[in-house]
C-alpha atoms as a PDB file:
ATOM      1  CA  UNK A   1     -35.211  10.941  59.723  1.00  0.00           C
ATOM      2  CA  UNK A   2     -34.032  12.088  63.146  1.00  0.00           C
ATOM      3  CA  UNK A   3     -31.669  15.029  63.678  1.00  0.00           C
ATOM      4  CA  UNK A   4     -28.985  12.716  65.077  1.00  0.00           C
ATOM      5  CA  UNK A   5     -29.088  10.538  61.970  1.00  0.00           C
ATOM      6  CA  UNK A   6     -28.861  13.603  59.713  1.00  0.00           C
ATOM      7  CA  UNK A   7     -25.862  14.732  61.762  1.00  0.00           C
ATOM      8  CA  UNK A   8     -24.251  11.323  61.403  1.00  0.00           C
ATOM      9  CA  UNK A   9     -24.761  11.271  57.639  1.00  0.00           C
ATOM     10  CA  UNK A  10     -23.351  14.796  57.322  1.00  0.00           C
ATOM     11  CA  UNK A  11     -20.251  13.822  59.293  1.00  0.00           C
ATOM     12  CA  UNK A  12     -19.813  10.568  57.320  1.00  0.00           C
ATOM     13  CA  UNK A  13     -19.926  12.539  54.055  1.00  0.00           C
ATOM     14  CA  UNK A  14     -17.687  15.403  55.195  1.00  0.00           C
ATOM     15  CA  UNK A  15     -14.841  13.133  56.356  1.00  0.00           C
ATOM     16  CA  UNK A  16     -14.399  11.303  53.017  1.00  0.00           C
ATOM     17  CA  UNK A  17     -14.876  14.567  51.113  1.00  0.00           C
ATOM     18  CA  UNK A  18     -11.948  16.040  53.028  1.00  0.00           C
ATOM     19  CA  UNK A  19      -9.864  12.921  52.331  1.00  0.00           C
ATOM     20  CA  UNK A  20     -10.597  13.208  48.625  1.00  0.00           C
ATOM     21  CA  UNK A  21      -9.808  16.920  48.551  1.00  0.00           C
ATOM     22  CA  UNK A  22      -6.548  16.409  50.440  1.00  0.00           C
ATOM     23  CA  UNK A  23      -5.481  13.718  47.963  1.00  0.00           C
ATOM     24  CA  UNK A  24      -6.018  16.119  45.073  1.00  0.00           C
ATOM     25  CA  UNK A  25      -4.117  18.875  46.892  1.00  0.00           C
ATOM     26  CA  UNK A  26      -1.280  16.406  47.554  1.00  0.00           C
ATOM     27  CA  UNK A  27      -1.088  15.684  43.818  1.00  0.00           C
ATOM     28  CA  UNK A  28      -0.808  19.424  43.124  1.00  0.00           C
ATOM     29  CA  UNK A  29       1.966  19.684  45.739  1.00  0.00           C
ATOM     30  CA  UNK A  30       3.939  16.830  44.183  1.00  0.00           C
ATOM     31  CA  UNK A  31       3.549  18.348  40.722  1.00  0.00           C
ATOM     32  CA  UNK A  32       4.005  22.058  41.308  1.00  0.00           C
ATOM     33  CA  UNK A  33       6.043  22.383  44.506  1.00  0.00           C
ATOM     34  CA  UNK A  34       9.225  20.949  45.998  1.00  0.00           C
ATOM     35  CA  UNK A  35       7.296  18.564  48.226  1.00  0.00           C
ATOM     36  CA  UNK A  36       8.079  14.837  48.313  1.00  0.00           C
ATOM     37  CA  UNK A  37       5.713  12.066  49.314  1.00  0.00           C
ATOM     38  CA  UNK A  38       8.113  11.001  52.088  1.00  0.00           C
ATOM     39  CA  UNK A  39       8.133  14.494  53.601  1.00  0.00           C
ATOM     40  CA  UNK A  40       4.361  14.982  53.355  1.00  0.00           C
ATOM     41  CA  UNK A  41       3.577  11.580  54.897  1.00  0.00           C
ATOM     42  CA  UNK A  42       5.970  12.268  57.778  1.00  0.00           C
ATOM     43  CA  UNK A  43       4.611  15.754  58.502  1.00  0.00           C
ATOM     44  CA  UNK A  44       0.988  14.683  58.035  1.00  0.00           C
ATOM     45  CA  UNK A  45       1.222  11.826  60.527  1.00  0.00           C
ATOM     46  CA  UNK A  46       3.439  13.667  63.003  1.00  0.00           C
ATOM     47  CA  UNK A  47       1.336  16.822  63.348  1.00  0.00           C
ATOM     48  CA  UNK A  48      -2.006  15.006  63.114  1.00  0.00           C
ATOM     49  CA  UNK A  49      -0.811  12.508  65.707  1.00  0.00           C
ATOM     50  CA  UNK A  50       0.203  15.272  68.113  1.00  0.00           C
ATOM     51  CA  UNK A  51      -3.151  17.022  67.642  1.00  0.00           C
ATOM     52  CA  UNK A  52      -5.250  13.854  68.002  1.00  0.00           C
ATOM     53  CA  UNK A  53      -3.338  12.607  71.051  1.00  0.00           C
ATOM     54  CA  UNK A  54      -3.564  16.069  72.594  1.00  0.00           C
ATOM     55  CA  UNK A  55      -7.289  16.181  71.889  1.00  0.00           C
ATOM     56  CA  UNK A  56      -7.734  12.733  73.415  1.00  0.00           C
ATOM     57  CA  UNK A  57      -5.768  13.629  76.558  1.00  0.00           C
ATOM     58  CA  UNK A  58      -7.773  16.814  77.057  1.00  0.00           C
ATOM     59  CA  UNK A  59     -10.994  14.869  76.574  1.00  0.00           C
ATOM     60  CA  UNK A  60     -10.104  11.942  78.857  1.00  0.00           C
ATOM     61  CA  UNK A  61      -6.491  11.468  79.963  1.00  0.00           C
ATOM     62  CA  UNK A  62      -7.054   8.067  81.588  1.00  0.00           C
ATOM     63  CA  UNK A  63      -8.807   6.633  78.550  1.00  0.00           C
ATOM     64  CA  UNK A  64      -6.233   7.985  76.100  1.00  0.00           C
ATOM     65  CA  UNK A  65      -3.196   6.457  77.833  1.00  0.00           C
ATOM     66  CA  UNK A  66      -4.876   3.203  78.922  1.00  0.00           C
ATOM     67  CA  UNK A  67      -3.328   1.177  76.071  1.00  0.00           C
ATOM     68  CA  UNK A  68       0.174   1.840  77.437  1.00  0.00           C
ATOM     69  CA  UNK A  69      -0.700   0.123  80.713  1.00  0.00           C
ATOM     70  CA  UNK A  70      -0.922  -3.260  78.981  1.00  0.00           C
ATOM     71  CA  UNK A  71       2.370  -4.480  77.544  1.00  0.00           C
ATOM     72  CA  UNK A  72       0.897  -6.814  74.916  1.00  0.00           C
ATOM     73  CA  UNK A  73      -1.545  -4.211  73.617  1.00  0.00           C
ATOM     74  CA  UNK A  74       1.183  -1.532  73.578  1.00  0.00           C
ATOM     75  CA  UNK A  75       3.466  -3.766  71.490  1.00  0.00           C
ATOM     76  CA  UNK A  76       0.609  -4.527  69.104  1.00  0.00           C
ATOM     77  CA  UNK A  77      -0.178  -0.816  68.817  1.00  0.00           C
ATOM     78  CA  UNK A  78       3.413  -0.125  67.751  1.00  0.00           C
ATOM     79  CA  UNK A  79       3.174  -2.993  65.243  1.00  0.00           C
ATOM     80  CA  UNK A  80      -0.062  -1.571  63.833  1.00  0.00           C
ATOM     81  CA  UNK A  81       1.477   1.900  63.675  1.00  0.00           C
ATOM     82  CA  UNK A  82       4.007   0.677  61.100  1.00  0.00           C
ATOM     83  CA  UNK A  83       2.206  -2.132  59.255  1.00  0.00           C
ATOM     84  CA  UNK A  84      -1.236  -0.539  59.256  1.00  0.00           C
ATOM     85  CA  UNK A  85      -1.252   3.214  59.763  1.00  0.00           C
ATOM     86  CA  UNK A  86       2.129   4.269  58.322  1.00  0.00           C
ATOM     87  CA  UNK A  87       1.937   1.769  55.451  1.00  0.00           C
ATOM     88  CA  UNK A  88      -1.529   2.947  54.389  1.00  0.00           C
ATOM     89  CA  UNK A  89      -0.463   6.607  54.474  1.00  0.00           C
ATOM     90  CA  UNK A  90       2.811   6.010  52.635  1.00  0.00           C
ATOM     91  CA  UNK A  91       1.477   3.779  49.850  1.00  0.00           C
ATOM     92  CA  UNK A  92      -1.458   6.137  49.225  1.00  0.00           C
ATOM     93  CA  UNK A  93       0.732   9.189  48.713  1.00  0.00           C
ATOM     94  CA  UNK A  94       3.263   7.252  46.635  1.00  0.00           C
ATOM     95  CA  UNK A  95       0.384   6.087  44.418  1.00  0.00           C
ATOM     96  CA  UNK A  96      -0.651   9.728  44.001  1.00  0.00           C
ATOM     97  CA  UNK A  97       2.943  10.766  43.326  1.00  0.00           C
ATOM     98  CA  UNK A  98       3.446   8.167  40.573  1.00  0.00           C
ATOM     99  CA  UNK A  99      -0.123   8.273  39.249  1.00  0.00           C
ATOM    100  CA  UNK A 100      -2.889  10.645  40.280  1.00  0.00           C
ATOM    101  CA  UNK A 101      -5.206  11.206  43.219  1.00  0.00           C
ATOM    102  CA  UNK A 102      -8.312   9.876  41.471  1.00  0.00           C
ATOM    103  CA  UNK A 103      -6.809   6.522  40.444  1.00  0.00           C
ATOM    104  CA  UNK A 104      -5.012   6.057  43.777  1.00  0.00           C
ATOM    105  CA  UNK A 105      -8.213   6.657  45.733  1.00  0.00           C
ATOM    106  CA  UNK A 106     -10.266   4.334  43.535  1.00  0.00           C
ATOM    107  CA  UNK A 107      -7.684   1.536  43.684  1.00  0.00           C
ATOM    108  CA  UNK A 108      -7.710   1.907  47.470  1.00  0.00           C
ATOM    109  CA  UNK A 109     -11.323   0.714  47.319  1.00  0.00           C
ATOM    110  CA  UNK A 110     -10.080  -2.701  46.213  1.00  0.00           C
ATOM    111  CA  UNK A 111      -9.425  -3.417  49.887  1.00  0.00           C
ATOM    112  CA  UNK A 112     -12.857  -5.069  50.498  1.00  0.00           C
ATOM    113  CA  UNK A 113     -12.045  -7.572  47.736  1.00  0.00           C
ATOM    114  CA  UNK A 114      -8.671  -8.365  49.322  1.00  0.00           C
ATOM    115  CA  UNK A 115     -10.326  -8.810  52.715  1.00  0.00           C
ATOM    116  CA  UNK A 116     -12.809 -11.263  51.160  1.00  0.00           C
ATOM    117  CA  UNK A 117      -9.925 -13.321  49.740  1.00  0.00           C
ATOM    118  CA  UNK A 118      -8.044 -13.222  53.047  1.00  0.00           C
ATOM    119  CA  UNK A 119     -11.051 -14.367  55.087  1.00  0.00           C
ATOM    120  CA  UNK A 120     -11.838 -17.153  52.624  1.00  0.00           C
ATOM    121  CA  UNK A 121      -8.276 -18.494  52.974  1.00  0.00           C
ATOM    122  CA  UNK A 122      -8.049 -17.980  56.725  1.00  0.00           C
ATOM    123  CA  UNK A 123     -11.440 -19.517  57.512  1.00  0.00           C
ATOM    124  CA  UNK A 124     -11.077 -22.184  54.791  1.00  0.00           C
ATOM    125  CA  UNK A 125     -14.502 -21.624  53.363  1.00  0.00           C
ATOM    126  CA  UNK A 126     -15.783 -20.740  49.913  1.00  0.00           C
ATOM    127  CA  UNK A 127     -16.805 -17.086  49.612  1.00  0.00           C
ATOM    128  CA  UNK A 128     -20.509 -16.256  49.621  1.00  0.00           C
ATOM    129  CA  UNK A 129     -22.247 -15.521  46.320  1.00  0.00           C
ATOM    130  CA  UNK A 130     -22.236 -11.799  47.094  1.00  0.00           C
ATOM    131  CA  UNK A 131     -18.488 -11.987  47.779  1.00  0.00           C
ATOM    132  CA  UNK A 132     -17.856 -13.626  44.405  1.00  0.00           C
ATOM    133  CA  UNK A 133     -19.909 -10.880  42.734  1.00  0.00           C
ATOM    134  CA  UNK A 134     -17.825  -8.267  44.561  1.00  0.00           C
ATOM    135  CA  UNK A 135     -14.583  -9.940  43.472  1.00  0.00           C
ATOM    136  CA  UNK A 136     -15.720 -10.055  39.847  1.00  0.00           C
ATOM    137  CA  UNK A 137     -16.731  -6.383  39.969  1.00  0.00           C
ATOM    138  CA  UNK A 138     -13.386  -5.416  41.504  1.00  0.00           C
ATOM    139  CA  UNK A 139     -11.381  -7.401  38.938  1.00  0.00           C
ATOM    140  CA  UNK A 140     -13.267  -6.103  35.895  1.00  0.00           C
ATOM    141  CA  UNK A 141     -13.272  -2.570  37.299  1.00  0.00           C
ATOM    142  CA  UNK A 142      -9.521  -2.611  37.874  1.00  0.00           C
ATOM    143  CA  UNK A 143      -8.826  -3.872  34.357  1.00  0.00           C
ATOM    144  CA  UNK A 144     -10.986  -1.130  32.830  1.00  0.00           C
ATOM    145  CA  UNK A 145      -9.558   1.573  35.085  1.00  0.00           C
ATOM    146  CA  UNK A 146      -5.893   0.897  34.384  1.00  0.00           C
ATOM    147  CA  UNK A 147      -6.077  -0.174  30.712  1.00  0.00           C
ATOM    148  CA  UNK A 148      -8.588   2.328  29.303  1.00  0.00           C
ATOM    149  CA  UNK A 149     -10.340  -0.697  27.846  1.00  0.00           C
ATOM    150  CA  UNK A 150      -7.232  -1.773  25.886  1.00  0.00           C
ATOM    151  CA  UNK A 151      -5.996  -4.926  27.598  1.00  0.00           C
ATOM    152  CA  UNK A 152      -2.450  -4.752  26.213  1.00  0.00           C
ATOM    153  CA  UNK A 153      -1.571  -1.312  27.601  1.00  0.00           C
ATOM    154  CA  UNK A 154      -1.703   0.594  30.865  1.00  0.00           C
ATOM    155  CA  UNK A 155      -3.426   3.975  30.908  1.00  0.00           C
ATOM    156  CA  UNK A 156      -1.523   5.007  34.041  1.00  0.00           C
ATOM    157  CA  UNK A 157       2.206   4.737  34.817  1.00  0.00           C
ATOM    158  CA  UNK A 158       3.097   1.190  35.953  1.00  0.00           C
ATOM    159  CA  UNK A 159       4.479   2.495  39.257  1.00  0.00           C
ATOM    160  CA  UNK A 160       1.195   4.321  39.874  1.00  0.00           C
ATOM    161  CA  UNK A 161      -0.673   1.044  39.361  1.00  0.00           C
ATOM    162  CA  UNK A 162       1.663  -0.996  41.577  1.00  0.00           C
ATOM    163  CA  UNK A 163       1.548   1.553  44.391  1.00  0.00           C
ATOM    164  CA  UNK A 164      -2.239   1.695  43.994  1.00  0.00           C
ATOM    165  CA  UNK A 165      -2.434  -2.056  44.568  1.00  0.00           C
ATOM    166  CA  UNK A 166      -0.165  -1.685  47.600  1.00  0.00           C
ATOM    167  CA  UNK A 167      -2.533   1.036  48.826  1.00  0.00           C
ATOM    168  CA  UNK A 168      -5.414  -1.449  48.676  1.00  0.00           C
ATOM    169  CA  UNK A 169      -3.335  -4.060  50.512  1.00  0.00           C
ATOM    170  CA  UNK A 170      -2.273  -1.653  53.252  1.00  0.00           C
ATOM    171  CA  UNK A 171      -5.858  -0.374  53.573  1.00  0.00           C
ATOM    172  CA  UNK A 172      -6.922  -3.986  54.167  1.00  0.00           C
ATOM    173  CA  UNK A 173      -4.327  -4.345  56.922  1.00  0.00           C
ATOM    174  CA  UNK A 174      -5.418  -1.002  58.367  1.00  0.00           C
ATOM    175  CA  UNK A 175      -8.964  -2.356  58.539  1.00  0.00           C
ATOM    176  CA  UNK A 176      -8.203  -5.821  59.903  1.00  0.00           C
ATOM    177  CA  UNK A 177      -5.340  -5.294  62.359  1.00  0.00           C
ATOM    178  CA  UNK A 178      -6.703  -2.860  64.957  1.00  0.00           C
ATOM    179  CA  UNK A 179     -10.158  -4.367  65.552  1.00  0.00           C
ATOM    180  CA  UNK A 180      -9.471  -5.622  69.079  1.00  0.00           C
ATOM    181  CA  UNK A 181      -7.608  -2.454  70.034  1.00  0.00           C
ATOM    182  CA  UNK A 182     -10.482  -0.295  68.807  1.00  0.00           C
ATOM    183  CA  UNK A 183     -12.999  -2.330  70.795  1.00  0.00           C
ATOM    184  CA  UNK A 184     -10.960  -2.021  74.000  1.00  0.00           C
ATOM    185  CA  UNK A 185      -9.691   1.560  73.820  1.00  0.00           C
ATOM    186  CA  UNK A 186     -11.757   3.458  71.251  1.00  0.00           C
ATOM    187  CA  UNK A 187     -10.837   5.020  67.928  1.00  0.00           C
ATOM    188  CA  UNK A 188      -9.264   8.357  68.880  1.00  0.00           C
ATOM    189  CA  UNK A 189      -6.469   6.947  71.127  1.00  0.00           C
ATOM    190  CA  UNK A 190      -5.559   4.214  68.631  1.00  0.00           C
ATOM    191  CA  UNK A 191      -5.617   6.472  65.565  1.00  0.00           C
ATOM    192  CA  UNK A 192      -3.842   9.291  67.399  1.00  0.00           C
ATOM    193  CA  UNK A 193      -1.040   7.216  68.918  1.00  0.00           C
ATOM    194  CA  UNK A 194      -0.456   5.190  65.742  1.00  0.00           C
ATOM    195  CA  UNK A 195      -0.160   8.394  63.706  1.00  0.00           C
ATOM    196  CA  UNK A 196       2.219   9.910  66.237  1.00  0.00           C
ATOM    197  CA  UNK A 197       4.415   6.795  66.367  1.00  0.00           C
ATOM    198  CA  UNK A 198       4.460   6.453  62.588  1.00  0.00           C
ATOM    199  CA  UNK A 199       5.104  10.175  62.155  1.00  0.00           C
ATOM    200  CA  UNK A 200       8.051  10.227  64.554  1.00  0.00           C
ATOM    201  CA  UNK A 201       9.597   7.138  62.941  1.00  0.00           C
ATOM    202  CA  UNK A 202       9.163   8.465  59.399  1.00  0.00           C
ATOM    203  CA  UNK A 203      10.470  11.915  60.346  1.00  0.00           C
ATOM    204  CA  UNK A 204      13.662  10.473  61.824  1.00  0.00           C
ATOM    205  CA  UNK A 205      14.198   7.890  59.071  1.00  0.00           C
ATOM    206  CA  UNK A 206      13.698  10.340  56.197  1.00  0.00           C
ATOM    207  CA  UNK A 207      15.272  13.308  58.050  1.00  0.00           C
ATOM    208  CA  UNK A 208      12.417  15.630  57.143  1.00  0.00           C
ATOM    209  CA  UNK A 209      14.382  18.639  58.424  1.00  0.00           C
ATOM    210  CA  UNK A 210      16.704  18.159  55.416  1.00  0.00           C
ATOM    211  CA  UNK A 211      13.794  17.964  52.947  1.00  0.00           C
ATOM    212  CA  UNK A 212      11.910  21.128  53.846  1.00  0.00           C
ATOM    213  CA  UNK A 213      10.226  22.522  50.715  1.00  0.00           C
ATOM    214  CA  UNK A 214      10.933  26.070  49.592  1.00  0.00           C
ATOM    215  CA  UNK A 215       8.680  28.389  51.555  1.00  0.00           C
ATOM    216  CA  UNK A 216       5.629  29.935  49.942  1.00  0.00           C
ATOM    217  CA  UNK A 217       2.274  30.780  51.499  1.00  0.00           C
ATOM    218  CA  UNK A 218       0.494  28.676  48.873  1.00  0.00           C
ATOM    219  CA  UNK A 219       2.630  25.586  49.459  1.00  0.00           C
ATOM    220  CA  UNK A 220       2.418  25.674  53.231  1.00  0.00           C
ATOM    221  CA  UNK A 221      -1.262  26.576  53.100  1.00  0.00           C
ATOM    222  CA  UNK A 222      -1.878  23.438  51.067  1.00  0.00           C
ATOM    223  CA  UNK A 223       0.238  21.353  53.435  1.00  0.00           C
ATOM    224  CA  UNK A 224      -1.733  22.809  56.354  1.00  0.00           C
ATOM    225  CA  UNK A 225      -5.013  21.799  54.716  1.00  0.00           C
ATOM    226  CA  UNK A 226      -3.783  18.230  54.141  1.00  0.00           C
ATOM    227  CA  UNK A 227      -2.630  17.946  57.762  1.00  0.00           C
ATOM    228  CA  UNK A 228      -5.458  19.709  59.609  1.00  0.00           C
ATOM    229  CA  UNK A 229      -8.550  19.209  57.486  1.00  0.00           C
ATOM    230  CA  UNK A 230      -7.550  16.271  55.300  1.00  0.00           C
ATOM    231  CA  UNK A 231      -6.282  14.208  58.211  1.00  0.00           C
ATOM    232  CA  UNK A 232      -7.274  15.253  61.736  1.00  0.00           C
ATOM    233  CA  UNK A 233     -10.745  16.658  61.035  1.00  0.00           C
ATOM    234  CA  UNK A 234     -11.464  14.040  58.378  1.00  0.00           C
ATOM    235  CA  UNK A 235     -10.788  11.226  60.857  1.00  0.00           C
ATOM    236  CA  UNK A 236     -12.681  12.942  63.670  1.00  0.00           C
ATOM    237  CA  UNK A 237     -15.722  13.597  61.468  1.00  0.00           C
ATOM    238  CA  UNK A 238     -15.847  10.085  60.050  1.00  0.00           C
ATOM    239  CA  UNK A 239     -15.269   8.383  63.398  1.00  0.00           C
ATOM    240  CA  UNK A 240     -17.751  10.757  65.041  1.00  0.00           C
ATOM    241  CA  UNK A 241     -20.429   9.714  62.550  1.00  0.00           C
ATOM    242  CA  UNK A 242     -20.372   6.194  63.994  1.00  0.00           C
ATOM    243  CA  UNK A 243     -22.073   7.555  67.122  1.00  0.00           C
ATOM    244  CA  UNK A 244     -25.194   8.293  65.073  1.00  0.00           C
ATOM    245  CA  UNK A 245     -25.247   5.850  62.135  1.00  0.00           C
ATOM    246  CA  UNK A 246     -24.141   2.265  61.530  1.00  0.00           C
ATOM    247  CA  UNK A 247     -20.702   1.338  60.235  1.00  0.00           C
ATOM    248  CA  UNK A 248     -22.404  -0.098  57.146  1.00  0.00           C
ATOM    249  CA  UNK A 249     -24.012   3.237  56.289  1.00  0.00           C
ATOM    250  CA  UNK A 250     -20.743   5.057  56.967  1.00  0.00           C
ATOM    251  CA  UNK A 251     -18.813   2.706  54.678  1.00  0.00           C
ATOM    252  CA  UNK A 252     -21.254   3.379  51.834  1.00  0.00           C
ATOM    253  CA  UNK A 253     -20.937   7.132  52.330  1.00  0.00           C
ATOM    254  CA  UNK A 254     -17.167   6.663  52.152  1.00  0.00           C
ATOM    255  CA  UNK A 255     -17.622   6.599  48.371  1.00  0.00           C
ATOM    256  CA  UNK A 256     -17.595  10.394  48.523  1.00  0.00           C
ATOM    257  CA  UNK A 257     -13.792  10.156  48.830  1.00  0.00           C
ATOM    258  CA  UNK A 258     -13.134   8.760  45.319  1.00  0.00           C
ATOM    259  CA  UNK A 259     -15.963  10.872  43.903  1.00  0.00           C
ATOM    260  CA  UNK A 260     -14.479  14.114  45.224  1.00  0.00           C
ATOM    261  CA  UNK A 261     -10.922  13.124  44.285  1.00  0.00           C
ATOM    262  CA  UNK A 262     -11.977  12.205  40.755  1.00  0.00           C
ATOM    263  CA  UNK A 263     -14.087  15.332  40.230  1.00  0.00           C
ATOM    264  CA  UNK A 264     -11.372  17.691  41.477  1.00  0.00           C
ATOM    265  CA  UNK A 265      -8.622  15.896  39.547  1.00  0.00           C
ATOM    266  CA  UNK A 266     -10.585  16.189  36.314  1.00  0.00           C
ATOM    267  CA  UNK A 267     -11.629  19.824  36.848  1.00  0.00           C
ATOM    268  CA  UNK A 268      -8.489  21.334  38.357  1.00  0.00           C
ATOM    269  CA  UNK A 269      -5.605  19.023  37.449  1.00  0.00           C
ATOM    270  CA  UNK A 270      -6.571  18.028  33.927  1.00  0.00           C
ATOM    271  CA  UNK A 271      -6.764  14.280  34.625  1.00  0.00           C
ATOM    272  CA  UNK A 272      -8.589  12.571  31.762  1.00  0.00           C
ATOM    273  CA  UNK A 273     -11.258   9.950  32.484  1.00  0.00           C
ATOM    274  CA  UNK A 274     -12.964   8.167  29.584  1.00  0.00           C
ATOM    275  CA  UNK A 275     -15.984   5.878  29.687  1.00  0.00           C
ATOM    276  CA  UNK A 276     -13.940   2.698  30.400  1.00  0.00           C
ATOM    277  CA  UNK A 277     -12.269   4.329  33.425  1.00  0.00           C
ATOM    278  CA  UNK A 278     -15.562   5.743  34.682  1.00  0.00           C
ATOM    279  CA  UNK A 279     -17.284   2.369  34.372  1.00  0.00           C
ATOM    280  CA  UNK A 280     -14.324   0.658  36.036  1.00  0.00           C
ATOM    281  CA  UNK A 281     -14.403   3.146  38.914  1.00  0.00           C
ATOM    282  CA  UNK A 282     -18.139   2.590  39.354  1.00  0.00           C
ATOM    283  CA  UNK A 283     -17.596  -1.192  39.541  1.00  0.00           C
ATOM    284  CA  UNK A 284     -14.805  -0.905  42.115  1.00  0.00           C
ATOM    285  CA  UNK A 285     -16.621   1.564  44.368  1.00  0.00           C
ATOM    286  CA  UNK A 286     -19.809  -0.429  43.824  1.00  0.00           C
ATOM    287  CA  UNK A 287     -18.319  -3.370  45.719  1.00  0.00           C
ATOM    288  CA  UNK A 288     -18.815  -1.338  48.906  1.00  0.00           C
ATOM    289  CA  UNK A 289     -22.519  -0.949  48.110  1.00  0.00           C
ATOM    290  CA  UNK A 290     -22.867  -4.665  47.341  1.00  0.00           C
ATOM    291  CA  UNK A 291     -21.200  -5.678  50.598  1.00  0.00           C
ATOM    292  CA  UNK A 292     -23.214  -3.142  52.600  1.00  0.00           C
ATOM    293  CA  UNK A 293     -26.476  -4.311  51.043  1.00  0.00           C
ATOM    294  CA  UNK A 294     -25.631  -7.914  51.910  1.00  0.00           C
ATOM    295  CA  UNK A 295     -24.749  -6.921  55.476  1.00  0.00           C
ATOM    296  CA  UNK A 296     -28.049  -5.083  55.936  1.00  0.00           C
ATOM    297  CA  UNK A 297     -29.979  -8.083  54.633  1.00  0.00           C
ATOM    298  CA  UNK A 298     -28.086 -10.607  56.706  1.00  0.00           C
ATOM    299  CA  UNK A 299     -25.216  -9.942  59.165  1.00  0.00           C
ATOM    300  CA  UNK A 300     -21.833 -11.345  58.275  1.00  0.00           C
ATOM    301  CA  UNK A 301     -20.956 -14.751  59.687  1.00  0.00           C
ATOM    302  CA  UNK A 302     -18.543 -14.612  62.590  1.00  0.00           C
ATOM    303  CA  UNK A 303     -14.916 -14.350  61.554  1.00  0.00           C
END
């Protein structure tokens, strides 16, 4: 294995690990501090957006502002900022707020199944055998995860489950919507500007200056970790890995996000996971492995 590939794998693991850790820290903030999901989403996107856009401008000013020279692409970027970026951030933290970081992160991994359904409807073709296997795994896994194996009850608060499903839906939109923009302008400008736009809009709408949490070094240290390491560096590491490894390999290594979130939630936050939930989580996250294996064997048909 070459040094560049090792570097790519390390980056692709570190990014999701930071995402998982930040989700667990967010749960602790919602539980033990006067921090709301609305405030944290606003601050996370706003500061991360400023830092990413600033980094992009310092790296290559022309490349980072190129999207604003094309009216149609600029309008679509604003659309993606709300429907894709802001929606995925907001639903994820609301799912953590009403449930827990582990379940929210695992349910987010239902997005490949939703994308399969969307493409089957849009392209009017029956899903491939591997897609049907993935859908079955996702369905069974979700049932086990949220019912604890007892089909008549929910093992997590209903709102946590609903927001978790919305997290999967918004993650699907986040994946599908910006493809052309990413091809034309690169990942850092699109991610940076969409975070900045979403952060500004959320900050104004929710008046974050009226929702400032009571100051403590621990609280603001945790918020700083979520913003700097759990957002900016996590995105930069994961996106940077794509220079050295394939997107398929990176998507498989993305499973370190639910693994880290689950481990930390169980160890530090007292979240209980029985065998049904563990098996359900394995099935849901396993859909990524199934899809990646199929892609490596035979590239996906054009969409």
